[in-house]
């Protein structure tokens, strides 16, 4: 069972309630559902990633961003920022494939997800901005988190600030959120062997993730026994030319 961040934080960390209430902002942008969302079943997409994997960055700023822009009426997207991160029970420390900067940005992105109420339409602009920067500087990731926080702060929802995310990442709330993402990643069945790892309606799509939009369109059509919406035609036409996927192996 995949744990949702909000529910577990309420159950496991009630002491944080005052902190959470203080940082949450009622002016967050909230997506208004369209008729298509009310009348049709949406495709469930889970994206398991790590913040500084260059292949995650390319996917997040490219193919997945296109799906977010064009297919939000057809899918729900949940991003789990943990990936190939590892926890050492003896030292009570996390280590990341691309160093401490990645561990920090994983925390930041979990915090943003939480403060955005798990609604990708609120947090994805920051994720895309961060991915664009990560892809442009790799493999020189030293100092990249500061660049991301400085440049991408304007994309945050409502009155949320980079300082709020930094405080969360360095506090017990961030520790709780990364533990949830660890659990959700470690309990994948089948287990992930690389990132990006994308699951569509409970089935991993493996190395076809750069075709995410065409896959969502096909799955939406199957779920609803209906022809794909008009915006899907561009993705069906482009699917033959999609470049081979790169990954960060476990």
C-alpha atoms as a PDB file:
ATOM      1  CA  UNK A   1       0.000   0.000   0.000  1.00  0.00           C
ATOM      2  CA  UNK A   2       1.408   3.380  -1.008  1.00  0.00           C
ATOM      3  CA  UNK A   3       1.500   5.817   1.894  1.00  0.00           C
ATOM      4  CA  UNK A   4       0.276   9.334   1.265  1.00  0.00           C
ATOM      5  CA  UNK A   5       2.398  12.010   2.889  1.00  0.00           C
ATOM      6  CA  UNK A   6      -0.359  14.018   4.547  1.00  0.00           C
ATOM      7  CA  UNK A   7      -2.073  11.069   6.196  1.00  0.00           C
ATOM      8  CA  UNK A   8       1.092   9.574   7.650  1.00  0.00           C
ATOM      9  CA  UNK A   9       2.369  12.877   8.956  1.00  0.00           C
ATOM     10  CA  UNK A  10      -0.902  13.404  10.798  1.00  0.00           C
ATOM     11  CA  UNK A  11      -0.762   9.928  12.303  1.00  0.00           C
ATOM     12  CA  UNK A  12       2.948   9.648  13.045  1.00  0.00           C
ATOM     13  CA  UNK A  13       3.907  13.250  13.769  1.00  0.00           C
ATOM     14  CA  UNK A  14       1.005  15.060  15.413  1.00  0.00           C
ATOM     15  CA  UNK A  15       3.524  17.189  17.284  1.00  0.00           C
ATOM     16  CA  UNK A  16       4.314  18.897  13.990  1.00  0.00           C
ATOM     17  CA  UNK A  17       0.747  20.096  13.481  1.00  0.00           C
ATOM     18  CA  UNK A  18       1.389  23.650  14.613  1.00  0.00           C
ATOM     19  CA  UNK A  19       4.466  23.930  12.392  1.00  0.00           C
ATOM     20  CA  UNK A  20       2.614  22.566   9.383  1.00  0.00           C
ATOM     21  CA  UNK A  21      -0.360  24.862   9.936  1.00  0.00           C
ATOM     22  CA  UNK A  22       1.950  27.863  10.158  1.00  0.00           C
ATOM     23  CA  UNK A  23       3.681  27.134   6.876  1.00  0.00           C
ATOM     24  CA  UNK A  24       0.705  25.979   4.810  1.00  0.00           C
ATOM     25  CA  UNK A  25      -0.773  28.880   2.914  1.00  0.00           C
ATOM     26  CA  UNK A  26      -4.447  29.168   1.918  1.00  0.00           C
ATOM     27  CA  UNK A  27      -3.531  31.099  -1.218  1.00  0.00           C
ATOM     28  CA  UNK A  28      -1.883  28.110  -2.919  1.00  0.00           C
ATOM     29  CA  UNK A  29      -3.010  27.810  -6.509  1.00  0.00           C
ATOM     30  CA  UNK A  30      -5.725  25.173  -6.645  1.00  0.00           C
ATOM     31  CA  UNK A  31      -6.589  23.566  -9.946  1.00  0.00           C
ATOM     32  CA  UNK A  32     -10.255  23.805 -10.874  1.00  0.00           C
ATOM     33  CA  UNK A  33     -11.489  20.418 -12.154  1.00  0.00           C
ATOM     34  CA  UNK A  34     -12.921  20.374 -15.666  1.00  0.00           C
ATOM     35  CA  UNK A  35     -15.924  18.411 -16.834  1.00  0.00           C
ATOM     36  CA  UNK A  36     -13.590  15.791 -18.313  1.00  0.00           C
ATOM     37  CA  UNK A  37     -12.118  15.188 -14.877  1.00  0.00           C
ATOM     38  CA  UNK A  38     -15.542  14.716 -13.302  1.00  0.00           C
ATOM     39  CA  UNK A  39     -16.949  12.392 -15.944  1.00  0.00           C
ATOM     40  CA  UNK A  40     -14.047  10.100 -16.761  1.00  0.00           C
ATOM     41  CA  UNK A  41     -11.686   7.857 -14.867  1.00  0.00           C
ATOM     42  CA  UNK A  42      -8.171   9.256 -14.755  1.00  0.00           C
ATOM     43  CA  UNK A  43      -4.936   7.371 -15.300  1.00  0.00           C
ATOM     44  CA  UNK A  44      -2.814   6.999 -12.149  1.00  0.00           C
ATOM     45  CA  UNK A  45       0.856   7.783 -12.800  1.00  0.00           C
ATOM     46  CA  UNK A  46       3.548   7.333 -10.136  1.00  0.00           C
ATOM     47  CA  UNK A  47       7.002   8.686 -10.904  1.00  0.00           C
ATOM     48  CA  UNK A  48       9.874   7.468  -8.715  1.00  0.00           C
ATOM     49  CA  UNK A  49      12.924   9.673  -9.129  1.00  0.00           C
ATOM     50  CA  UNK A  50      15.928  11.353  -7.542  1.00  0.00           C
ATOM     51  CA  UNK A  51      16.561  15.028  -7.852  1.00  0.00           C
ATOM     52  CA  UNK A  52      19.983  15.116  -9.536  1.00  0.00           C
ATOM     53  CA  UNK A  53      19.920  12.052 -11.770  1.00  0.00           C
ATOM     54  CA  UNK A  54      20.526  13.592 -15.214  1.00  0.00           C
ATOM     55  CA  UNK A  55      18.096  11.178 -16.844  1.00  0.00           C
ATOM     56  CA  UNK A  56      15.382  12.086 -14.355  1.00  0.00           C
ATOM     57  CA  UNK A  57      16.096  15.746 -15.061  1.00  0.00           C
ATOM     58  CA  UNK A  58      15.780  15.246 -18.824  1.00  0.00           C
ATOM     59  CA  UNK A  59      12.557  13.287 -18.423  1.00  0.00           C
ATOM     60  CA  UNK A  60      11.066  15.722 -15.914  1.00  0.00           C
ATOM     61  CA  UNK A  61      11.833  18.786 -18.027  1.00  0.00           C
ATOM     62  CA  UNK A  62      10.932  17.045 -21.291  1.00  0.00           C
ATOM     63  CA  UNK A  63       8.494  14.192 -21.906  1.00  0.00           C
ATOM     64  CA  UNK A  64       6.830  14.329 -18.492  1.00  0.00           C
ATOM     65  CA  UNK A  65       6.501  18.096 -18.638  1.00  0.00           C
ATOM     66  CA  UNK A  66       4.694  17.729 -21.971  1.00  0.00           C
ATOM     67  CA  UNK A  67       2.251  15.299 -20.352  1.00  0.00           C
ATOM     68  CA  UNK A  68       1.677  17.686 -17.448  1.00  0.00           C
ATOM     69  CA  UNK A  69       1.014  20.567 -19.836  1.00  0.00           C
ATOM     70  CA  UNK A  70      -1.302  18.699 -22.203  1.00  0.00           C
ATOM     71  CA  UNK A  71      -2.880  15.785 -20.334  1.00  0.00           C
ATOM     72  CA  UNK A  72      -3.720  16.994 -16.832  1.00  0.00           C
ATOM     73  CA  UNK A  73      -7.409  16.243 -17.488  1.00  0.00           C
ATOM     74  CA  UNK A  74      -6.522  12.611 -18.203  1.00  0.00           C
ATOM     75  CA  UNK A  75      -4.129  11.703 -15.393  1.00  0.00           C
ATOM     76  CA  UNK A  76      -3.215  12.064 -11.749  1.00  0.00           C
ATOM     77  CA  UNK A  77       0.537  12.292 -11.175  1.00  0.00           C
ATOM     78  CA  UNK A  78       2.397  11.487  -7.954  1.00  0.00           C
ATOM     79  CA  UNK A  79       6.135  12.163  -7.758  1.00  0.00           C
ATOM     80  CA  UNK A  80       8.200  10.251  -5.187  1.00  0.00           C
ATOM     81  CA  UNK A  81      11.599  11.877  -4.650  1.00  0.00           C
ATOM     82  CA  UNK A  82      13.925   9.205  -3.240  1.00  0.00           C
ATOM     83  CA  UNK A  83      15.117   6.983  -6.087  1.00  0.00           C
ATOM     84  CA  UNK A  84      18.418   5.241  -5.399  1.00  0.00           C
ATOM     85  CA  UNK A  85      18.950   6.991  -2.062  1.00  0.00           C
ATOM     86  CA  UNK A  86      20.083   4.690   0.755  1.00  0.00           C
ATOM     87  CA  UNK A  87      19.513   4.699   4.525  1.00  0.00           C
ATOM     88  CA  UNK A  88      22.062   3.298   6.978  1.00  0.00           C
ATOM     89  CA  UNK A  89      20.319   2.123  10.143  1.00  0.00           C
ATOM     90  CA  UNK A  90      23.599   2.002  12.069  1.00  0.00           C
ATOM     91  CA  UNK A  91      24.518   5.636  11.439  1.00  0.00           C
ATOM     92  CA  UNK A  92      20.944   6.875  10.936  1.00  0.00           C
ATOM     93  CA  UNK A  93      22.165   8.663   7.809  1.00  0.00           C
ATOM     94  CA  UNK A  94      21.054   8.824   4.182  1.00  0.00           C
ATOM     95  CA  UNK A  95      23.448   8.737   1.241  1.00  0.00           C
ATOM     96  CA  UNK A  96      22.629   9.633  -2.322  1.00  0.00           C
ATOM     97  CA  UNK A  97      23.934   8.562  -5.698  1.00  0.00           C
ATOM     98  CA  UNK A  98      24.877  12.103  -6.665  1.00  0.00           C
ATOM     99  CA  UNK A  99      26.092  13.307  -3.293  1.00  0.00           C
ATOM    100  CA  UNK A 100      24.800  15.473  -0.427  1.00  0.00           C
ATOM    101  CA  UNK A 101      23.277  18.056  -2.762  1.00  0.00           C
ATOM    102  CA  UNK A 102      20.925  15.380  -4.069  1.00  0.00           C
ATOM    103  CA  UNK A 103      19.937  14.267  -0.567  1.00  0.00           C
ATOM    104  CA  UNK A 104      19.111  17.885   0.262  1.00  0.00           C
ATOM    105  CA  UNK A 105      17.089  18.440  -2.925  1.00  0.00           C
ATOM    106  CA  UNK A 106      15.195  15.180  -2.371  1.00  0.00           C
ATOM    107  CA  UNK A 107      14.146  16.593   1.005  1.00  0.00           C
ATOM    108  CA  UNK A 108      13.207  19.931  -0.548  1.00  0.00           C
ATOM    109  CA  UNK A 109      11.054  18.277  -3.202  1.00  0.00           C
ATOM    110  CA  UNK A 110       9.298  16.083  -0.645  1.00  0.00           C
ATOM    111  CA  UNK A 111       8.548  19.182   1.412  1.00  0.00           C
ATOM    112  CA  UNK A 112       7.191  21.021  -1.614  1.00  0.00           C
ATOM    113  CA  UNK A 113       5.015  18.048  -2.522  1.00  0.00           C
ATOM    114  CA  UNK A 114       3.609  18.021   1.007  1.00  0.00           C
ATOM    115  CA  UNK A 115       2.921  21.749   1.158  1.00  0.00           C
ATOM    116  CA  UNK A 116       1.267  21.498  -2.268  1.00  0.00           C
ATOM    117  CA  UNK A 117      -1.201  18.926  -0.934  1.00  0.00           C
ATOM    118  CA  UNK A 118       0.175  16.252  -3.285  1.00  0.00           C
ATOM    119  CA  UNK A 119      -1.228  18.211  -6.256  1.00  0.00           C
ATOM    120  CA  UNK A 120       1.333  18.170  -9.034  1.00  0.00           C
ATOM    121  CA  UNK A 121      -0.225  21.171 -10.709  1.00  0.00           C
ATOM    122  CA  UNK A 122       0.917  23.204  -7.714  1.00  0.00           C
ATOM    123  CA  UNK A 123       4.458  21.849  -7.407  1.00  0.00           C
ATOM    124  CA  UNK A 124       5.433  20.825 -10.934  1.00  0.00           C
ATOM    125  CA  UNK A 125       6.602  24.271 -12.121  1.00  0.00           C
ATOM    126  CA  UNK A 126       9.340  24.171  -9.467  1.00  0.00           C
ATOM    127  CA  UNK A 127      10.228  20.558 -10.318  1.00  0.00           C
ATOM    128  CA  UNK A 128      10.570  21.432 -13.997  1.00  0.00           C
ATOM    129  CA  UNK A 129      12.708  24.482 -13.260  1.00  0.00           C
ATOM    130  CA  UNK A 130      14.936  22.406 -10.963  1.00  0.00           C
ATOM    131  CA  UNK A 131      15.251  19.681 -13.594  1.00  0.00           C
ATOM    132  CA  UNK A 132      16.264  22.166 -16.265  1.00  0.00           C
ATOM    133  CA  UNK A 133      19.053  23.461 -14.044  1.00  0.00           C
ATOM    134  CA  UNK A 134      20.169  19.989 -12.940  1.00  0.00           C
ATOM    135  CA  UNK A 135      20.375  18.796 -16.549  1.00  0.00           C
ATOM    136  CA  UNK A 136      22.333  21.870 -17.620  1.00  0.00           C
ATOM    137  CA  UNK A 137      25.058  21.621 -14.960  1.00  0.00           C
ATOM    138  CA  UNK A 138      25.529  17.854 -14.660  1.00  0.00           C
ATOM    139  CA  UNK A 139      27.990  16.394 -13.716  1.00  0.00           C
ATOM    140  CA  UNK A 140      29.117  19.546 -11.883  1.00  0.00           C
ATOM    141  CA  UNK A 141      26.455  19.450  -9.172  1.00  0.00           C
ATOM    142  CA  UNK A 142      28.378  21.309  -6.459  1.00  0.00           C
ATOM    143  CA  UNK A 143      26.295  24.308  -5.456  1.00  0.00           C
ATOM    144  CA  UNK A 144      23.383  23.324  -7.676  1.00  0.00           C
ATOM    145  CA  UNK A 145      20.833  23.384  -4.848  1.00  0.00           C
ATOM    146  CA  UNK A 146      21.559  27.062  -4.174  1.00  0.00           C
ATOM    147  CA  UNK A 147      21.146  27.815  -7.894  1.00  0.00           C
ATOM    148  CA  UNK A 148      17.836  25.972  -7.964  1.00  0.00           C
ATOM    149  CA  UNK A 149      16.459  27.678  -4.872  1.00  0.00           C
ATOM    150  CA  UNK A 150      17.498  31.103  -6.176  1.00  0.00           C
ATOM    151  CA  UNK A 151      16.161  30.706  -9.708  1.00  0.00           C
ATOM    152  CA  UNK A 152      13.081  28.553  -9.130  1.00  0.00           C
ATOM    153  CA  UNK A 153      11.657  30.252  -6.046  1.00  0.00           C
ATOM    154  CA  UNK A 154       9.345  32.363  -8.203  1.00  0.00           C
ATOM    155  CA  UNK A 155       7.581  29.195  -9.419  1.00  0.00           C
ATOM    156  CA  UNK A 156       6.477  28.146  -5.918  1.00  0.00           C
ATOM    157  CA  UNK A 157       2.729  28.107  -5.220  1.00  0.00           C
ATOM    158  CA  UNK A 158       1.051  30.800  -3.177  1.00  0.00           C
ATOM    159  CA  UNK A 159       3.244  32.483  -0.580  1.00  0.00           C
ATOM    160  CA  UNK A 160       5.541  29.487  -0.091  1.00  0.00           C
ATOM    161  CA  UNK A 161       9.212  30.532  -0.136  1.00  0.00           C
ATOM    162  CA  UNK A 162      12.551  28.785  -0.603  1.00  0.00           C
ATOM    163  CA  UNK A 163      13.206  29.562   3.061  1.00  0.00           C
ATOM    164  CA  UNK A 164      10.109  27.543   4.038  1.00  0.00           C
ATOM    165  CA  UNK A 165      11.365  24.569   2.039  1.00  0.00           C
ATOM    166  CA  UNK A 166      14.853  24.869   3.502  1.00  0.00           C
ATOM    167  CA  UNK A 167      13.449  24.929   7.041  1.00  0.00           C
ATOM    168  CA  UNK A 168      11.324  21.854   6.340  1.00  0.00           C
ATOM    169  CA  UNK A 169      14.262  19.993   4.764  1.00  0.00           C
ATOM    170  CA  UNK A 170      16.402  20.578   7.843  1.00  0.00           C
ATOM    171  CA  UNK A 171      13.714  19.764  10.415  1.00  0.00           C
ATOM    172  CA  UNK A 172      11.875  16.680  11.647  1.00  0.00           C
ATOM    173  CA  UNK A 173       9.107  17.217   9.090  1.00  0.00           C
ATOM    174  CA  UNK A 174      11.595  16.661   6.275  1.00  0.00           C
ATOM    175  CA  UNK A 175      12.844  13.514   8.010  1.00  0.00           C
ATOM    176  CA  UNK A 176       9.286  12.189   8.216  1.00  0.00           C
ATOM    177  CA  UNK A 177       8.569  12.948   4.568  1.00  0.00           C
ATOM    178  CA  UNK A 178      11.753  11.309   3.251  1.00  0.00           C
ATOM    179  CA  UNK A 179      10.947   8.239   5.368  1.00  0.00           C
ATOM    180  CA  UNK A 180       7.573   8.017   3.625  1.00  0.00           C
ATOM    181  CA  UNK A 181       9.208   8.248   0.203  1.00  0.00           C
ATOM    182  CA  UNK A 182      11.742   5.613   1.269  1.00  0.00           C
ATOM    183  CA  UNK A 183       8.919   3.263   2.272  1.00  0.00           C
ATOM    184  CA  UNK A 184       6.982   3.860  -0.938  1.00  0.00           C
ATOM    185  CA  UNK A 185      10.105   3.222  -3.029  1.00  0.00           C
ATOM    186  CA  UNK A 186      11.370   0.211  -1.069  1.00  0.00           C
ATOM    187  CA  UNK A 187       7.983  -1.539  -1.246  1.00  0.00           C
ATOM    188  CA  UNK A 188       7.602  -1.308  -5.019  1.00  0.00           C
ATOM    189  CA  UNK A 189       6.536  -4.620  -6.583  1.00  0.00           C
ATOM    190  CA  UNK A 190       8.383  -5.338  -8.750  1.00  0.00           C
ATOM    191  CA  UNK A 191      11.230  -3.374  -7.155  1.00  0.00           C
ATOM    192  CA  UNK A 192      12.788  -0.559  -9.122  1.00  0.00           C
ATOM    193  CA  UNK A 193      16.228  -1.161 -10.628  1.00  0.00           C
ATOM    194  CA  UNK A 194      16.838   2.353 -11.968  1.00  0.00           C
ATOM    195  CA  UNK A 195      15.317   5.795 -12.199  1.00  0.00           C
ATOM    196  CA  UNK A 196      13.300   7.247 -13.803  1.00  0.00           C
ATOM    197  CA  UNK A 197      10.899   4.487 -12.716  1.00  0.00           C
ATOM    198  CA  UNK A 198       7.330   5.115 -13.873  1.00  0.00           C
ATOM    199  CA  UNK A 199       4.265   3.125 -12.887  1.00  0.00           C
ATOM    200  CA  UNK A 200       1.005   3.574 -14.818  1.00  0.00           C
ATOM    201  CA  UNK A 201      -2.098   2.093 -13.213  1.00  0.00           C
ATOM    202  CA  UNK A 202       0.055  -0.206 -11.040  1.00  0.00           C
ATOM    203  CA  UNK A 203       2.204  -1.460 -13.936  1.00  0.00           C
ATOM    204  CA  UNK A 204       5.807  -0.289 -14.498  1.00  0.00           C
ATOM    205  CA  UNK A 205       6.401   0.924 -18.037  1.00  0.00           C
ATOM    206  CA  UNK A 206      10.164   0.304 -17.834  1.00  0.00           C
ATOM    207  CA  UNK A 207      12.272   1.973 -20.551  1.00  0.00           C
ATOM    208  CA  UNK A 208       9.284   3.293 -22.507  1.00  0.00           C
ATOM    209  CA  UNK A 209       8.818   6.245 -20.136  1.00  0.00           C
ATOM    210  CA  UNK A 210       9.731   8.813 -22.790  1.00  0.00           C
ATOM    211  CA  UNK A 211       6.467   7.741 -24.462  1.00  0.00           C
ATOM    212  CA  UNK A 212       4.557   8.678 -21.295  1.00  0.00           C
ATOM    213  CA  UNK A 213       1.990  10.861 -23.074  1.00  0.00           C
ATOM    214  CA  UNK A 214       1.045   8.233 -25.652  1.00  0.00           C
ATOM    215  CA  UNK A 215       0.898   5.614 -22.886  1.00  0.00           C
ATOM    216  CA  UNK A 216      -1.408   7.794 -20.776  1.00  0.00           C
ATOM    217  CA  UNK A 217      -3.643   8.418 -23.784  1.00  0.00           C
ATOM    218  CA  UNK A 218      -3.890   4.695 -24.567  1.00  0.00           C
ATOM    219  CA  UNK A 219      -4.595   3.824 -20.948  1.00  0.00           C
ATOM    220  CA  UNK A 220      -7.220   6.559 -20.601  1.00  0.00           C
ATOM    221  CA  UNK A 221      -8.959   5.226 -23.702  1.00  0.00           C
ATOM    222  CA  UNK A 222      -8.921   1.690 -22.289  1.00  0.00           C
ATOM    223  CA  UNK A 223     -10.193   2.750 -18.861  1.00  0.00           C
ATOM    224  CA  UNK A 224     -13.052   4.796 -20.259  1.00  0.00           C
ATOM    225  CA  UNK A 225     -13.882   2.699 -23.330  1.00  0.00           C
ATOM    226  CA  UNK A 226     -13.628   5.849 -25.397  1.00  0.00           C
ATOM    227  CA  UNK A 227     -11.596   7.307 -28.210  1.00  0.00           C
ATOM    228  CA  UNK A 228      -8.543   9.293 -27.058  1.00  0.00           C
ATOM    229  CA  UNK A 229      -9.109  13.056 -26.814  1.00  0.00           C
ATOM    230  CA  UNK A 230      -7.879  15.243 -29.658  1.00  0.00           C
ATOM    231  CA  UNK A 231      -4.742  16.383 -27.825  1.00  0.00           C
ATOM    232  CA  UNK A 232      -3.461  12.798 -27.897  1.00  0.00           C
ATOM    233  CA  UNK A 233      -2.953  12.739 -31.662  1.00  0.00           C
ATOM    234  CA  UNK A 234       0.327  14.704 -31.473  1.00  0.00           C
ATOM    235  CA  UNK A 235       1.791  12.150 -29.058  1.00  0.00           C
ATOM    236  CA  UNK A 236       0.767   9.137 -31.129  1.00  0.00           C
ATOM    237  CA  UNK A 237       2.394  10.724 -34.172  1.00  0.00           C
ATOM    238  CA  UNK A 238       5.599  11.490 -32.264  1.00  0.00           C
ATOM    239  CA  UNK A 239       5.935   8.168 -30.436  1.00  0.00           C
ATOM    240  CA  UNK A 240       7.881   6.480 -33.238  1.00  0.00           C
ATOM    241  CA  UNK A 241      10.616   9.124 -33.050  1.00  0.00           C
ATOM    242  CA  UNK A 242      11.112   9.123 -29.257  1.00  0.00           C
ATOM    243  CA  UNK A 243      14.790   8.875 -28.307  1.00  0.00           C
ATOM    244  CA  UNK A 244      16.143   5.914 -26.375  1.00  0.00           C
ATOM    245  CA  UNK A 245      15.808   6.356 -22.632  1.00  0.00           C
ATOM    246  CA  UNK A 246      18.786   6.833 -20.342  1.00  0.00           C
ATOM    247  CA  UNK A 247      18.636   5.848 -16.684  1.00  0.00           C
ATOM    248  CA  UNK A 248      20.518   6.001 -13.393  1.00  0.00           C
ATOM    249  CA  UNK A 249      20.904   2.400 -12.270  1.00  0.00           C
ATOM    250  CA  UNK A 250      20.493   1.307  -8.684  1.00  0.00           C
END
